[in-house]
Amino acid sequence: MTLREIKELLEAEVLVGHSQLDREITTAFGADLMSDVLAFAKPGSLLLTGLTNPQVVRTADVLDIAAILMVRGKRPTPETIRLAEELGIPILATKYILFESAGRLYSKGIRGCMEKVESDRATG
């Protein structure tokens, strides 16, 4: 799916990255713990989160995340917007909760970065 299709599916508002809406997305990862994102997300994925601080953008930058989708009607801080613009990372915002957003994306072919964790990774 493209970011444009994701925007339509989730009735999302594009806050940063209007020029990148034709970007293809095939995988996604949802979390509010950036340590989980660092451990399990893959480059090129869509990050679904309820966090709105600049650390989300910094984490996305480190992992080469394709875009950030803020769920639950959350809005990023002005500092977060500025950083995303500076780094060229699209941010979309939806009123759907994380679970519903993930389900809608999955039903349209977006897959998770992984299906399950290995036992040694889950305990750390």
Protein backbone atom coordinates (compact mmCIF):
# COMPACT_ATOMS: atom_id res chain seq x y z
CA MET A 1 0.00 0.00 0.00
CA THR A 2 1.06 3.57 -0.45
CA LEU A 3 0.97 6.14 2.33
CA ARG A 4 -1.86 7.79 0.40
CA GLU A 5 -3.91 4.57 0.57
CA ILE A 6 -3.10 4.23 4.27
CA LYS A 7 -4.21 7.83 4.81
CA GLU A 8 -7.56 7.06 3.19
CA LEU A 9 -8.05 3.71 4.93
CA LEU A 10 -7.42 5.16 8.39
CA GLU A 11 -8.97 8.57 7.72
CA ALA A 12 -5.61 10.01 8.71
CA GLU A 13 -4.31 13.53 8.50
CA VAL A 14 -0.89 14.08 6.97
CA LEU A 15 1.11 16.28 9.33
CA VAL A 16 4.52 15.92 7.69
CA GLY A 17 5.49 14.46 4.32
CA HIS A 18 2.76 15.41 1.86
CA SER A 19 5.26 14.91 -0.97
CA GLN A 20 5.94 11.30 0.11
CA LEU A 21 2.41 9.90 -0.10
CA ASP A 22 3.31 7.63 -3.03
CA ARG A 23 5.82 5.75 -0.88
CA GLU A 24 5.12 2.00 -0.74
CA ILE A 25 4.65 0.34 2.63
CA THR A 26 4.60 -3.46 3.03
CA THR A 27 5.29 -3.92 6.75
CA ALA A 28 4.33 -2.22 10.00
CA PHE A 29 5.13 -2.34 13.69
CA GLY A 30 3.05 -1.01 16.56
CA ALA A 31 4.43 -0.04 19.97
CA ASP A 32 4.64 2.74 22.51
CA LEU A 33 7.93 1.47 23.94
CA MET A 34 10.75 2.74 21.76
CA SER A 35 13.00 -0.01 23.16
CA ASP A 36 10.61 -2.54 21.54
CA VAL A 37 10.71 -0.60 18.28
CA LEU A 38 14.52 -0.66 18.35
CA ALA A 39 14.53 -4.39 19.08
CA PHE A 40 11.89 -5.59 16.62
CA ALA A 41 10.99 -3.08 13.89
CA LYS A 42 12.52 -3.28 10.41
CA PRO A 43 13.72 -0.55 8.06
CA GLY A 44 11.07 0.68 5.64
CA SER A 45 8.20 -0.16 7.98
CA LEU A 46 5.32 2.01 9.13
CA LEU A 47 5.50 2.71 12.86
CA LEU A 48 2.15 2.85 14.68
CA THR A 49 2.39 4.56 18.06
CA GLY A 50 0.60 6.73 20.55
CA LEU A 51 3.76 8.55 21.54
CA THR A 52 4.15 12.10 20.28
CA ASN A 53 7.56 13.22 21.51
CA PRO A 54 10.71 13.79 19.44
CA GLN A 55 12.15 10.44 20.59
CA VAL A 56 9.68 8.71 18.25
CA VAL A 57 11.18 10.56 15.29
CA ARG A 58 14.73 9.93 16.47
CA THR A 59 13.98 6.21 16.79
CA ALA A 60 12.39 6.17 13.33
CA ASP A 61 15.46 7.89 11.91
CA VAL A 62 17.87 5.38 13.47
CA LEU A 63 15.90 2.45 12.03
CA ASP A 64 15.11 4.06 8.67
CA ILE A 65 11.36 3.77 9.36
CA ALA A 66 9.31 4.83 6.31
CA ALA A 67 6.67 6.81 8.22
CA ILE A 68 5.03 7.27 11.61
CA LEU A 69 1.31 6.86 12.22
CA MET A 70 0.15 8.41 15.48
CA VAL A 71 -2.96 6.66 16.77
CA ARG A 72 -5.73 7.40 19.29
CA GLY A 73 -6.13 10.98 18.10
CA LYS A 74 -2.71 11.92 19.46
CA ARG A 75 -0.98 15.00 18.09
CA PRO A 76 2.78 15.52 18.02
CA THR A 77 4.48 18.38 19.78
CA PRO A 78 5.77 21.26 17.62
CA GLU A 79 9.31 20.05 18.33
CA THR A 80 8.38 16.59 17.00
CA ILE A 81 6.93 18.12 13.83
CA ARG A 82 10.06 20.24 13.27
CA LEU A 83 12.35 17.24 13.72
CA ALA A 84 10.30 15.07 11.35
CA GLU A 85 10.39 17.83 8.72
CA GLU A 86 14.13 18.21 9.19
CA LEU A 87 14.74 14.45 8.82
CA GLY A 88 12.15 13.91 6.08
CA ILE A 89 10.05 11.40 8.02
CA PRO A 90 6.32 11.51 7.26
CA ILE A 91 3.89 11.70 10.17
CA LEU A 92 0.22 10.82 9.84
CA ALA A 93 -2.39 10.99 12.60
CA THR A 94 -5.55 8.91 12.97
CA LYS A 95 -8.31 8.74 15.54
CA TYR A 96 -8.40 4.95 15.34
CA ILE A 97 -6.79 3.04 18.20
CA LEU A 98 -3.62 1.06 17.56
CA PHE A 99 -5.41 -2.31 17.46
CA GLU A 100 -8.02 -1.15 14.93
CA SER A 101 -5.39 0.59 12.81
CA ALA A 102 -3.24 -2.53 12.72
CA GLY A 103 -6.23 -4.71 11.88
CA ARG A 104 -7.32 -2.51 9.00
CA LEU A 105 -3.78 -2.43 7.62
CA TYR A 106 -3.41 -6.21 7.98
CA SER A 107 -6.69 -6.79 6.16
CA LYS A 108 -5.27 -4.82 3.21
CA GLY A 109 -2.03 -6.83 3.02
CA ILE A 110 0.34 -4.99 5.34
CA ARG A 111 2.25 -7.53 7.43
CA GLY A 112 4.06 -7.17 10.72
CA CYS A 113 7.82 -6.99 10.93
CA MET A 114 7.68 -10.37 12.65
CA GLU A 115 5.03 -12.86 13.72
CA LYS A 116 6.44 -13.77 17.10
CA VAL A 117 9.59 -13.29 19.13
CA GLU A 118 12.07 -15.98 19.93
CA SER A 119 12.09 -16.94 23.60
CA ASP A 120 15.56 -15.52 24.26
CA ARG A 121 14.57 -12.09 22.82
CA ALA A 122 11.37 -11.88 24.82
CA THR A 123 13.02 -12.04 28.23
CA GLY A 124 15.50 -9.20 27.73
